[in-house]
Amino acid sequence: MTGSDRPSALDPALAARLKRGADGLLPAIAQQYDTGEVLMLGWMDDEALHRTLTTGRCTYWSRSRQEYWVKGDTSGHVQLVKSVALDCDADTVLVKVDQVGAACHTGDRTCFDADELPLGPRADQ
């Protein structure tokens, strides 16, 4: 079952604006609301977005487990939603959150702080 096949209570007018991938999913970037720190990338279908908008907690679709998961339900590292925005193409969601504990499943604060890649020579230098 793809994201677009699952039933959703998302407002139909909002759902009509979304540009999903072939699997019915949108990338959802979680960002710390007060510092701008990028925490993680998850995936949402219409129902996960609806739940995120209406519960105040981030809900994602797990592509590996093929089920919904609310960030922090098992780890205690919750994401309290402060705002949600679509990008200009309506194909990515930005969720500004107050992250409690680690955002990454590895226990790191973010998913982007452990493996910085080296930059090569650039033409502008």
Protein backbone atom coordinates (compact mmCIF):
# COMPACT_ATOMS: atom_id res chain seq x y z
CA MET A 1 0.00 0.00 0.00
CA THR A 2 1.40 3.39 -0.92
CA GLY A 3 0.92 6.65 0.96
CA SER A 4 -1.76 7.76 -1.47
CA ASP A 5 -3.71 4.50 -0.98
CA ARG A 6 -4.15 4.95 2.78
CA PRO A 7 -7.27 6.79 3.95
CA SER A 8 -6.71 10.24 5.44
CA ALA A 9 -8.62 12.93 7.28
CA LEU A 10 -6.40 15.67 5.80
CA ASP A 11 -8.33 18.67 4.49
CA PRO A 12 -9.03 17.86 0.81
CA ALA A 13 -8.06 21.40 -0.26
CA LEU A 14 -4.63 20.95 1.34
CA ALA A 15 -4.28 17.42 -0.01
CA ALA A 16 -4.96 18.72 -3.53
CA ARG A 17 -2.00 21.12 -3.25
CA LEU A 18 0.56 18.48 -2.26
CA LYS A 19 3.02 17.07 -4.78
CA ARG A 20 3.91 13.63 -3.50
CA GLY A 21 6.41 11.11 -4.78
CA ALA A 22 5.27 7.95 -6.59
CA ASP A 23 5.01 6.29 -3.16
CA GLY A 24 2.57 8.96 -1.95
CA LEU A 25 5.11 10.47 0.46
CA LEU A 26 6.54 13.91 1.11
CA PRO A 27 9.92 14.56 2.72
CA ALA A 28 9.45 16.25 6.10
CA ILE A 29 12.33 18.22 7.55
CA ALA A 30 12.28 18.66 11.34
CA GLN A 31 13.99 21.84 12.53
CA GLN A 32 14.48 23.14 16.08
CA TYR A 33 12.15 26.13 16.22
CA ASP A 34 14.32 28.50 18.27
CA THR A 35 17.84 27.76 16.99
CA GLY A 36 17.21 26.76 13.37
CA GLU A 37 19.14 23.52 13.91
CA VAL A 38 18.18 20.90 11.29
CA LEU A 39 17.31 17.77 13.25
CA MET A 40 16.18 15.05 10.87
CA LEU A 41 14.37 14.08 7.70
CA GLY A 42 11.32 11.85 7.85
CA TRP A 43 8.52 10.95 5.46
CA MET A 44 4.84 11.86 5.66
CA ASP A 45 1.80 10.82 3.72
CA ASP A 46 -1.48 12.75 3.95
CA GLU A 47 -2.55 11.05 7.17
CA ALA A 48 0.81 11.58 8.88
CA LEU A 49 0.60 15.26 7.97
CA HIS A 50 -2.97 15.41 9.28
CA ARG A 51 -1.92 13.82 12.57
CA THR A 52 1.06 16.18 12.86
CA LEU A 53 -1.18 19.21 12.28
CA THR A 54 -3.86 18.11 14.73
CA THR A 55 -2.00 16.41 17.60
CA GLY A 56 0.97 18.71 18.18
CA ARG A 57 3.39 15.76 17.84
CA CYS A 58 5.27 14.74 14.71
CA THR A 59 3.91 11.64 13.03
CA TYR A 60 5.86 10.02 10.22
CA TRP A 61 5.38 7.09 7.85
CA SER A 62 8.06 4.44 8.27
CA ARG A 63 9.06 3.21 4.85
CA SER A 64 10.85 0.18 6.31
CA ARG A 65 8.10 -0.89 8.72
CA GLN A 66 5.19 0.33 6.58
CA GLU A 67 3.46 1.93 9.56
CA TYR A 68 2.97 5.27 11.28
CA TRP A 69 5.25 6.27 14.10
CA VAL A 70 4.99 9.21 16.46
CA LYS A 71 8.43 10.59 17.22
CA GLY A 72 9.26 9.82 20.84
CA ASP A 73 6.57 7.23 21.60
CA THR A 74 9.20 4.58 22.29
CA SER A 75 12.32 6.70 22.96
CA GLY A 76 10.76 9.55 24.93
CA HIS A 77 12.53 11.97 22.55
CA VAL A 78 9.42 13.79 21.40
CA GLN A 79 9.00 16.53 18.84
CA LEU A 80 6.48 19.15 19.95
CA VAL A 81 5.17 20.94 16.87
CA LYS A 82 5.48 24.73 16.79
CA SER A 83 4.67 25.33 13.10
CA VAL A 84 4.32 23.50 9.79
CA ALA A 85 5.00 24.98 6.34
CA LEU A 86 5.06 23.76 2.76
CA ASP A 87 7.89 24.77 0.48
CA CYS A 88 7.19 26.82 -2.66
CA ASP A 89 6.56 23.69 -4.77
CA ALA A 90 4.36 21.99 -2.12
CA ASP A 91 6.59 18.91 -2.31
CA THR A 92 8.40 19.22 1.04
CA VAL A 93 7.17 19.94 4.56
CA LEU A 94 9.15 21.93 7.13
CA VAL A 95 8.10 21.16 10.70
CA LYS A 96 9.50 23.48 13.33
CA VAL A 97 9.57 21.62 16.63
CA ASP A 98 10.78 21.75 20.17
CA GLN A 99 12.93 18.63 20.28
CA VAL A 100 13.08 16.88 23.65
CA GLY A 101 16.21 14.70 23.76
CA ALA A 102 17.93 13.26 20.72
CA ALA A 103 16.34 13.52 17.28
CA CYS A 104 18.46 10.80 15.70
CA HIS A 105 17.85 7.09 16.30
CA THR A 106 21.59 6.79 17.05
CA GLY A 107 21.20 8.99 20.12
CA ASP A 108 22.80 12.05 18.52
CA ARG A 109 21.11 15.43 18.85
CA THR A 110 20.61 15.61 15.07
CA CYS A 111 20.93 13.18 12.19
CA PHE A 112 23.40 15.55 10.52
CA ASP A 113 26.18 16.08 13.05
CA ALA A 114 28.15 12.83 12.88
CA ASP A 115 29.35 12.53 9.27
CA GLU A 116 30.35 15.86 7.74
CA LEU A 117 31.75 15.36 4.25
CA PRO A 118 34.95 17.10 3.13
CA LEU A 119 34.61 19.84 0.54
CA GLY A 120 36.87 19.71 -2.47
CA PRO A 121 38.48 22.61 -4.30
CA ARG A 122 35.89 25.04 -5.60
CA ALA A 123 36.05 27.53 -8.42
CA ASP A 124 35.05 30.41 -6.14
CA GLN A 125 38.19 30.07 -3.98
